[in-house]
Amino acid sequence: MQEQAVYVLSSLQLANGKADGEILEWVKANAKTPRAPWEIEAWSAYMEKRGPDSDAETLSGFAEYVGQHSKTHEDIKTWFDALDLDDYVSFGGKA
């Protein structure tokens, strides 16, 4: 529940035009459990490599999400790749 509240509140901060660094500072200031720098780095490294789970429903949903933005990108393997593509297309890039 706490994580969900932080996600909703940080989403509101994003909607208010806050930059990534400002959001990070807000999360650090409002997190119930402060994290050490090594924990943040470990989580970030894991998330950078995290792809969709191997079940058919998740793989299908991932492919559909990527397909909404590009039919030609075969290099999108992780959720971060997909979010980068989403950002790129959302801000006028051609995929």
Protein backbone atom coordinates (compact mmCIF):
# COMPACT_ATOMS: atom_id res chain seq x y z
CA MET A 1 0.00 0.00 0.00
CA GLN A 2 2.81 2.43 0.87
CA GLU A 3 4.59 1.73 -2.43
CA GLN A 4 1.34 2.33 -4.29
CA ALA A 5 0.86 5.67 -2.52
CA VAL A 6 4.40 6.75 -3.40
CA TYR A 7 3.76 5.75 -7.04
CA VAL A 8 0.52 7.77 -7.21
CA LEU A 9 2.04 10.80 -5.52
CA SER A 10 5.17 10.67 -7.69
CA SER A 11 2.91 10.41 -10.75
CA LEU A 12 1.20 13.59 -9.62
CA GLN A 13 4.60 15.23 -9.26
CA LEU A 14 5.41 14.19 -12.86
CA ALA A 15 2.10 15.61 -14.02
CA ASN A 16 3.14 18.89 -12.41
CA GLY A 17 6.21 19.03 -14.67
CA LYS A 18 8.85 17.86 -12.21
CA ALA A 19 12.12 16.58 -13.69
CA ASP A 20 13.62 13.17 -12.88
CA GLY A 21 16.04 14.57 -10.30
CA GLU A 22 13.24 16.46 -8.57
CA ILE A 23 11.10 13.30 -8.47
CA LEU A 24 14.02 11.33 -7.00
CA GLU A 25 14.49 13.91 -4.27
CA TRP A 26 10.76 13.85 -3.54
CA VAL A 27 10.72 10.04 -3.31
CA LYS A 28 13.78 10.03 -1.03
CA ALA A 29 12.15 12.60 1.23
CA ASN A 30 8.82 10.74 1.36
CA ALA A 31 9.88 7.08 1.34
CA LYS A 32 8.75 5.09 4.37
CA THR A 33 11.98 3.07 4.27
CA PRO A 34 15.02 5.09 3.19
CA ARG A 35 17.35 3.12 0.91
CA ALA A 36 21.13 3.11 0.91
CA PRO A 37 22.85 4.12 -2.34
CA TRP A 38 23.95 0.51 -2.96
CA GLU A 39 20.32 -0.66 -2.67
CA ILE A 40 19.20 1.94 -5.21
CA GLU A 41 22.02 0.94 -7.57
CA ALA A 42 21.21 -2.77 -7.23
CA TRP A 43 17.50 -2.16 -7.89
CA SER A 44 18.30 0.07 -10.87
CA ALA A 45 20.67 -2.50 -12.38
CA TYR A 46 18.02 -5.21 -12.01
CA MET A 47 15.28 -3.03 -13.52
CA GLU A 48 17.48 -2.00 -16.47
CA LYS A 49 17.76 -5.66 -17.45
CA ARG A 50 14.23 -6.74 -16.54
CA GLY A 51 12.19 -8.03 -19.42
CA PRO A 52 8.70 -9.41 -19.50
CA ASP A 53 8.00 -12.59 -17.57
CA SER A 54 7.97 -15.73 -19.67
CA ASP A 55 4.26 -16.52 -19.35
CA ALA A 56 2.28 -16.19 -22.58
CA GLU A 57 -0.03 -13.44 -21.30
CA THR A 58 2.83 -11.16 -20.23
CA LEU A 59 4.84 -11.77 -23.40
CA SER A 60 1.77 -11.03 -25.49
CA GLY A 61 1.06 -7.84 -23.55
CA PHE A 62 4.68 -6.72 -23.94
CA ALA A 63 4.63 -7.36 -27.68
CA GLU A 64 1.34 -5.48 -28.00
CA TYR A 65 2.71 -2.52 -26.01
CA VAL A 66 5.84 -2.33 -28.16
CA GLY A 67 3.76 -2.82 -31.32
CA GLN A 68 1.70 0.27 -30.47
CA HIS A 69 4.86 2.33 -31.00
CA SER A 70 6.82 0.44 -33.65
CA LYS A 71 6.42 -2.49 -36.01
CA THR A 72 10.10 -2.54 -36.98
CA HIS A 73 12.05 -2.45 -33.69
CA GLU A 74 13.27 -5.92 -32.85
CA ASP A 75 15.80 -4.62 -30.31
CA ILE A 76 13.22 -3.88 -27.58
CA LYS A 77 13.89 -6.58 -24.98
CA THR A 78 13.39 -4.93 -21.58
CA TRP A 79 10.72 -2.81 -19.95
CA PHE A 80 13.15 0.12 -19.92
CA ASP A 81 13.68 -0.32 -23.67
CA ALA A 82 9.90 -0.22 -24.13
CA LEU A 83 9.53 2.88 -21.97
CA ASP A 84 12.35 4.61 -23.84
CA LEU A 85 10.60 3.83 -27.13
CA ASP A 86 7.31 5.09 -25.70
CA ASP A 87 8.95 8.36 -24.60
CA TYR A 88 10.67 8.78 -27.94
CA VAL A 89 7.45 8.33 -29.92
CA SER A 90 5.37 10.36 -27.46
CA PHE A 91 7.65 13.35 -27.98
CA GLY A 92 7.51 13.25 -31.76
CA GLY A 93 10.15 10.69 -32.72
CA LYS A 94 9.53 8.29 -35.59
CA ALA A 95 10.07 4.67 -34.65
